[in-house]
Structure formats: structure tokens, C-alpha cells
Amino acid sequence: MQTSDLRIFLAVASASNLSAAARQLDLGPMQVSRRLAALEAELGVRLFHRTTRSLSLTAEGEAFLPFAHTMTDAEESARGQLSPSAASVSGVLRMTAPSVFGQTIVLPLMARLMEQLPGLRIDLDLSDRVLDIVGQGFDLALRIAPLADSELVARKMAPNPRIICAAPGYLARHGRPATLAQLERHHCIVLQAVPKWPLLVNGELQRRRMGGRVLTSSVDAARTAALLGMGVTMLTYWDVRQQLADGTLVRIELEDALMEELSVWAVMPTRRYVPTRVKVFLDALDSELRQGM
């Protein structure tokens, strides 16, 4: 079984389109189709359902997907160990990250990395949902929510505490809350994913439902609403780091409650055969986050 055929299989599975995969691989559609047919013949199963209008993985193709990733990653890891130079960092880094963190931290970092590493490409899913990185073939997920127990490999990258904040104009009009009781009387901008704010009161984690006029599913929208003076919001440090630094948002600290401590986590499907592109990205991200704290 040739790893070149496995890469073709993975490209087609990702694009769900032969022509798009062929363009990505710089091959002709007929060449891609023939190599897929040869791989299916070698495996003795059909990997894709094909019609004139659509292409999708069969159950066998879905089952084969993580094995194909493991085999191609193992080859890349071996090549990286034998020739650990910039030229050896290549391929598509498939990753998912929270939307605001991805836009403000990941994309600028990737722009600099791709200047240095011409063989590196990125397939980035920006979503505040927790995705199945094994089933969907991601190399890496960056997560900020508390991690559930799983067989995935997690690496702590940086602290990311929750922050209560508001625009200076809002605080000038409504006053700056100093206690939990005062905070509960303010207009709060609430994320649908966190309807109750987690607060440490006398060392105990409590979840308080905050009243507010703005409820949103988007971290970006909550931050924008706060910048517009629509109320007090609770986000994480890396979501509002720049706004706190330039003074467009002001951090609010309470006398009788502390905020929950979170972290930025890098989550990978396995500790074995970690592709060189993932290692290089995580090293660069680690350096970036250390400078930004």
C-alpha cells in the first residue's frame, strides 16, 4: 500500500469532490480516480459512494479514515526525524480552534509560519463547538472549555482565566460593580453555552444565572456587544487580551468572588506518530502564548 495513494484518499475524503482533490494535489481527475480504484482493489472494499453529482465515504471508508491518517502521519514523522529541516515540514495541518482565538491568535501565527515553511498548508475549522477530531480526521484541536475525560492526548499550552469586563462608557453610566450582589443588578451579555457564570465563592465553585438583555451563541458577538456598551460580559483572557490592553474594555474584579481558571489546551488523536507540522505549530504557539501573557 503506497502512502501516495493514502494521501489521495484523504484529500478526496476531505474535499468530498474528485476535481477539488485533484487540484489540491496538482493531479488530473482521471489519475486520482484510477489511484482510488487501485486502492479499493487492494483493500477489497469500496471506500466511496460515487454518483454523477456527489461523492461520500462508505462505512468502510469511514472506518479506514483514521488508519490512513495514522499511516501517513507515521511516514511524515519518520521523515521529520531523519531530516528535521524547514523543507521537511509539509502537508496540510488540519485543525479546529474556537472562533475568536482562531482569528486573533492562530491565523496571524499561521501566516508567519507559512512564510517560513513554503510546503505547509492549513485546513482550519473555526468553531466554538467540540468536534470529533478522530472521526473528522483532524491533526489537532485547540480547546478552552474544561476537558472531558477521553482517550485523546491533551497538552496544556497557557492559562486562560475567565474575565468579567465592560466598556468604560457603560461603567461610567451604570457604575462599576464591586460585589457579586452588585454584578447581578447589571445588564449582562450572556453566552448561550455558559448561561450560568461559574464563580468561586469562599473557595467553592458556584454557577450563577445572570440577568441580561443580550444572549448570543457567538463569543465574537458578546465581545462586540460589550465594546458597544451594551453591558457586562464574561469571556476568557485570550478573547479580550487586546481590548484590555488598549483600554476599550475594562476588567472587573469582585471583592467576594473569583473567576474560574481555564487553560488553552492542544488536543491530539494520539501521542504516537505526531506529524512534524503539528510539532512545529505547537512550538510556535507555545512561544506566542508565552509572549502574550
Protein backbone atom coordinates (compact mmCIF):
# COMPACT_ATOMS: atom_id res chain seq x y z
CA MET A 1 0.00 0.00 0.00
CA GLN A 2 1.56 3.29 -1.11
CA THR A 3 1.30 6.36 1.11
CA SER A 4 0.79 8.46 -2.03
CA ASP A 5 -2.49 6.57 -2.59
CA LEU A 6 -3.45 7.14 1.05
CA ARG A 7 -2.88 10.88 0.62
CA ILE A 8 -5.16 10.84 -2.40
CA PHE A 9 -7.81 9.02 -0.36
CA LEU A 10 -7.52 11.58 2.46
CA ALA A 11 -7.68 14.54 0.08
CA VAL A 12 -10.82 13.19 -1.60
CA ALA A 13 -12.41 12.40 1.77
CA SER A 14 -11.71 15.96 2.96
CA ALA A 15 -12.91 17.69 -0.23
CA SER A 16 -15.81 15.28 -0.99
CA ASN A 17 -15.05 16.07 -4.60
CA LEU A 18 -12.64 14.40 -7.05
CA SER A 19 -11.89 17.54 -9.06
CA ALA A 20 -11.23 19.66 -5.96
CA ALA A 21 -8.93 16.99 -4.53
CA ALA A 22 -7.12 16.71 -7.85
CA ARG A 23 -6.48 20.48 -7.92
CA GLN A 24 -5.23 20.36 -4.32
CA LEU A 25 -2.84 17.51 -5.21
CA ASP A 26 -1.85 19.01 -8.58
CA LEU A 27 -3.01 15.84 -10.37
CA GLY A 28 -5.56 15.13 -13.09
CA PRO A 29 -9.05 13.92 -12.05
CA MET A 30 -8.65 10.70 -14.04
CA GLN A 31 -5.32 9.99 -12.30
CA VAL A 32 -6.96 10.50 -8.90
CA SER A 33 -9.87 8.24 -9.88
CA ARG A 34 -7.55 5.47 -11.05
CA ARG A 35 -5.43 5.59 -7.89
CA LEU A 36 -8.56 5.42 -5.72
CA ALA A 37 -9.81 2.43 -7.71
CA ALA A 38 -6.42 0.74 -7.26
CA LEU A 39 -6.52 1.34 -3.50
CA GLU A 40 -10.05 -0.05 -3.28
CA ALA A 41 -8.97 -3.11 -5.26
CA GLU A 42 -6.01 -3.64 -2.95
CA LEU A 43 -8.18 -3.34 0.16
CA GLY A 44 -11.03 -5.34 -1.33
CA VAL A 45 -13.68 -2.79 -0.28
CA ARG A 46 -15.42 0.23 -1.75
CA LEU A 47 -14.26 3.40 0.03
CA PHE A 48 -16.62 5.92 -1.61
CA HIS A 49 -20.18 6.09 -2.82
CA ARG A 50 -19.96 7.74 -6.25
CA THR A 51 -22.72 9.31 -8.33
CA THR A 52 -22.54 11.86 -11.14
CA ARG A 53 -23.33 14.62 -8.62
CA SER A 54 -21.93 13.51 -5.29
CA LEU A 55 -19.21 11.53 -3.56
CA SER A 56 -19.24 10.35 0.05
CA LEU A 57 -17.43 7.85 2.24
CA THR A 58 -18.85 4.37 2.67
CA ALA A 59 -18.95 2.77 6.13
CA GLU A 60 -15.70 1.02 5.19
CA GLY A 61 -14.20 4.34 4.11
CA GLU A 62 -15.17 5.95 7.42
CA ALA A 63 -13.56 3.05 9.29
CA PHE A 64 -10.39 3.28 7.19
CA LEU A 65 -10.00 7.07 7.62
CA PRO A 66 -8.17 7.11 10.99
CA PHE A 67 -5.85 4.29 9.84
CA ALA A 68 -4.94 6.26 6.71
CA HIS A 69 -4.17 9.32 8.85
CA THR A 70 -2.01 7.22 11.17
CA MET A 71 -0.01 5.70 8.30
CA THR A 72 0.64 8.99 6.52
CA ASP A 73 1.45 10.72 9.81
CA ALA A 74 3.90 7.95 10.66
CA GLU A 75 5.71 8.47 7.36
CA GLU A 76 5.86 12.25 7.88
CA SER A 77 7.08 11.81 11.46
CA ALA A 78 9.84 9.47 10.29
CA ARG A 79 10.93 11.87 7.56
CA GLY A 80 10.93 14.74 10.04
CA GLN A 81 13.11 12.78 12.47
CA LEU A 82 15.57 11.86 9.73
CA SER A 83 15.71 15.33 8.15
CA PRO A 84 14.36 17.88 10.65
CA SER A 85 14.68 20.94 8.43
CA ALA A 86 12.19 23.54 7.27
CA ALA A 87 11.95 21.74 3.95
CA SER A 88 10.65 18.62 5.73
CA VAL A 89 7.65 20.46 7.22
CA SER A 90 4.96 20.00 4.61
CA GLY A 91 1.41 18.85 4.05
CA VAL A 92 -1.94 20.09 5.31
CA LEU A 93 -2.31 20.90 9.00
CA ARG A 94 -5.95 20.05 9.68
CA MET A 95 -7.05 21.68 12.89
CA THR A 96 -10.01 23.18 14.70
CA ALA A 97 -9.99 26.13 17.11
CA PRO A 98 -12.50 28.40 18.87
CA SER A 99 -13.61 31.17 16.51
CA VAL A 100 -12.17 34.27 18.23
CA PHE A 101 -8.98 32.54 19.38
CA GLY A 102 -8.52 31.19 15.86
CA GLN A 103 -8.92 34.60 14.24
CA THR A 104 -6.81 36.59 16.69
CA ILE A 105 -4.04 34.11 17.54
CA VAL A 106 -3.95 31.12 15.16
CA LEU A 107 -4.34 32.82 11.78
CA PRO A 108 -1.66 35.52 12.34
CA LEU A 109 0.69 32.82 13.66
CA MET A 110 -0.01 30.59 10.64
CA ALA A 111 0.64 33.47 8.26
CA ARG A 112 4.14 33.86 9.71
CA LEU A 113 4.79 30.11 9.74
CA MET A 114 3.70 29.66 6.13
CA GLU A 115 6.12 32.40 5.08
CA GLN A 116 8.93 30.37 6.63
CA LEU A 117 7.65 26.94 5.53
CA PRO A 118 6.53 27.00 1.89
CA GLY A 119 5.43 23.35 1.95
CA LEU A 120 2.94 23.91 4.80
CA ARG A 121 -0.79 24.39 4.22
CA ILE A 122 -3.68 24.73 6.66
CA ASP A 123 -7.26 23.47 6.78
CA LEU A 124 -8.74 25.42 9.70
CA ASP A 125 -12.21 24.90 11.16
CA LEU A 126 -13.21 27.82 13.39
CA SER A 127 -15.99 26.65 15.66
CA ASP A 128 -16.97 27.04 19.28
CA ARG A 129 -18.42 23.51 19.20
CA VAL A 130 -16.40 20.50 20.39
CA LEU A 131 -15.78 18.40 17.27
CA ASP A 132 -14.87 14.72 16.92
CA ILE A 133 -11.25 15.13 15.84
CA VAL A 134 -10.69 11.41 15.26
CA GLY A 135 -13.81 10.84 13.20
CA GLN A 136 -13.30 14.01 11.18
CA GLY A 137 -9.59 13.45 10.60
CA PHE A 138 -8.15 16.50 12.40
CA ASP A 139 -4.47 16.57 13.37
CA LEU A 140 -5.15 18.91 16.26
CA ALA A 141 -7.83 20.75 18.21
CA LEU A 142 -7.31 23.84 20.35
CA ARG A 143 -9.82 23.93 23.18
CA ILE A 144 -10.59 26.31 26.01
CA ALA A 145 -13.58 24.67 27.72
CA PRO A 146 -12.87 22.30 30.64
CA LEU A 147 -11.78 18.97 29.14
CA ALA A 148 -13.95 15.89 29.49
CA ASP A 149 -12.27 12.56 30.17
CA SER A 150 -11.30 10.86 26.92
CA GLU A 151 -8.58 8.82 25.26
CA LEU A 152 -7.31 11.88 23.40
CA VAL A 153 -3.90 13.35 24.22
CA ALA A 154 -4.06 16.84 25.76
CA ARG A 155 -1.21 19.33 26.25
CA LYS A 156 -1.69 22.45 28.37
CA MET A 157 -0.47 25.48 26.43
CA ALA A 158 -1.28 28.54 28.58
CA PRO A 159 -3.57 29.85 31.34
CA ASN A 160 -6.82 31.37 30.07
CA PRO A 161 -8.87 32.61 33.04
CA ARG A 162 -12.40 33.87 32.69
CA ILE A 163 -12.63 37.67 32.76
CA ILE A 164 -15.57 39.91 33.67
CA CYS A 165 -15.34 43.12 31.66
CA ALA A 166 -17.25 46.05 30.22
CA ALA A 167 -16.65 49.17 28.17
CA PRO A 168 -15.58 52.32 30.04
CA GLY A 169 -18.67 54.15 28.75
CA TYR A 170 -21.02 51.53 30.17
CA LEU A 171 -19.32 51.67 33.57
CA ALA A 172 -19.46 55.47 33.55
CA ARG A 173 -23.25 55.28 33.06
CA HIS A 174 -24.08 52.34 35.34
CA GLY A 175 -21.24 52.19 37.86
CA ARG A 176 -18.58 49.56 38.38
CA PRO A 177 -19.77 46.50 40.33
CA ALA A 178 -17.55 45.59 43.28
CA THR A 179 -19.51 42.64 44.71
CA LEU A 180 -21.46 39.72 43.35
CA ALA A 181 -24.73 41.27 44.52
CA GLN A 182 -23.94 44.47 42.58
CA LEU A 183 -22.94 42.49 39.49
CA GLU A 184 -26.29 40.67 39.50
CA ARG A 185 -28.08 44.04 39.14
CA HIS A 186 -26.21 44.92 35.91
CA HIS A 187 -27.13 44.24 32.30
CA CYS A 188 -25.15 41.13 31.42
CA ILE A 189 -24.17 39.82 27.99
CA VAL A 190 -24.50 36.06 28.22
CA LEU A 191 -23.22 33.26 26.01
CA GLN A 192 -25.73 30.51 25.28
CA ALA A 193 -23.03 27.92 26.02
CA VAL A 194 -22.47 29.42 29.51
CA PRO A 195 -25.92 30.53 30.73
CA LYS A 196 -24.73 30.39 34.35
CA TRP A 197 -21.50 32.16 35.21
CA PRO A 198 -19.01 29.99 37.14
CA LEU A 199 -17.65 31.87 40.14
CA LEU A 200 -15.50 30.84 43.10
CA VAL A 201 -17.23 32.00 46.29
CA ASN A 202 -15.42 31.15 49.55
CA GLY A 203 -13.37 28.59 47.64
CA GLU A 204 -16.46 26.83 46.27
CA LEU A 205 -17.43 26.85 42.59
CA GLN A 206 -20.93 28.26 42.16
CA ARG A 207 -22.87 28.81 38.96
CA ARG A 208 -24.97 31.98 38.97
CA ARG A 209 -27.59 32.79 36.35
CA MET A 210 -27.14 36.40 35.29
CA GLY A 211 -29.93 38.59 34.03
CA GLY A 212 -29.25 40.41 30.82
CA ARG A 213 -30.63 41.94 27.67
CA VAL A 214 -28.21 40.17 25.30
CA LEU A 215 -27.98 36.39 24.82
CA THR A 216 -25.77 35.11 21.99
CA SER A 217 -24.14 31.92 20.72
CA SER A 218 -21.06 33.81 19.49
CA VAL A 219 -18.03 34.85 21.53
CA ASP A 220 -17.27 37.47 18.88
CA ALA A 221 -20.79 38.90 19.20
CA ALA A 222 -20.54 39.02 23.01
CA ARG A 223 -17.26 40.90 22.78
CA THR A 224 -18.68 43.33 20.21
CA ALA A 225 -21.77 43.94 22.35
CA ALA A 226 -19.53 44.75 25.31
CA LEU A 227 -17.45 47.13 23.20
CA LEU A 228 -20.67 48.88 22.16
CA GLY A 229 -21.52 49.48 25.82
CA MET A 230 -24.46 47.08 25.95
CA GLY A 231 -23.49 45.53 29.26
CA VAL A 232 -21.06 43.44 31.28
CA THR A 233 -19.79 40.19 29.80
CA MET A 234 -17.72 37.21 30.87
CA LEU A 235 -15.17 35.94 28.35
CA THR A 236 -11.74 34.37 28.59
CA TYR A 237 -8.42 36.23 28.71
CA TRP A 238 -7.30 35.43 25.16
CA ASP A 239 -10.67 36.58 23.78
CA VAL A 240 -10.24 40.09 25.22
CA ARG A 241 -6.47 40.44 25.72
CA GLN A 242 -6.09 43.15 23.07
CA GLN A 243 -9.14 45.11 24.25
CA LEU A 244 -7.93 45.05 27.85
CA ALA A 245 -4.51 46.26 26.70
CA ASP A 246 -5.87 49.17 24.65
CA GLY A 247 -8.48 50.15 27.24
CA THR A 248 -11.60 49.60 25.12
CA LEU A 249 -12.68 47.02 27.72
CA VAL A 250 -12.04 47.24 31.47
CA ARG A 251 -11.51 44.23 33.71
CA ILE A 252 -13.87 44.00 36.69
CA GLU A 253 -12.66 42.24 39.85
CA LEU A 254 -15.12 41.38 42.60
CA GLU A 255 -14.36 41.61 46.32
CA ASP A 256 -16.30 38.45 47.22
CA ALA A 257 -15.85 36.17 44.19
CA LEU A 258 -13.12 34.94 41.87
CA MET A 259 -13.40 33.73 38.30
CA GLU A 260 -12.90 30.14 37.19
CA GLU A 261 -9.40 29.38 35.90
CA LEU A 262 -9.29 27.81 32.44
CA SER A 263 -6.45 26.97 30.07
CA VAL A 264 -5.72 26.72 26.36
CA TRP A 265 -5.34 23.02 25.54
CA ALA A 266 -3.91 21.34 22.46
CA VAL A 267 -5.74 18.06 21.90
CA MET A 268 -4.43 15.36 19.54
CA PRO A 269 -5.78 11.96 18.50
CA THR A 270 -2.66 10.09 19.64
CA ARG A 271 0.76 10.56 21.16
CA ARG A 272 2.34 8.29 18.53
CA TYR A 273 3.27 9.46 15.04
CA VAL A 274 2.67 13.13 15.72
CA PRO A 275 3.35 14.82 12.34
CA THR A 276 6.24 17.27 12.18
CA ARG A 277 3.85 20.02 11.05
CA VAL A 278 1.92 19.62 14.33
CA LYS A 279 5.08 19.74 16.46
CA VAL A 280 6.33 22.85 14.64
CA PHE A 281 2.99 24.62 15.02
CA LEU A 282 2.69 23.78 18.74
CA ASP A 283 6.23 25.00 19.42
CA ALA A 284 5.41 28.28 17.65
CA LEU A 285 2.09 28.60 19.51
CA ASP A 286 3.79 27.95 22.84
CA SER A 287 6.24 30.78 22.15
CA GLU A 288 3.43 33.10 21.02
CA LEU A 289 1.32 32.50 24.13
CA ARG A 290 4.27 32.95 26.49
CA GLN A 291 4.95 36.37 24.97
CA GLY A 292 1.29 37.37 25.20
CA MET A 293 0.74 36.64 28.90
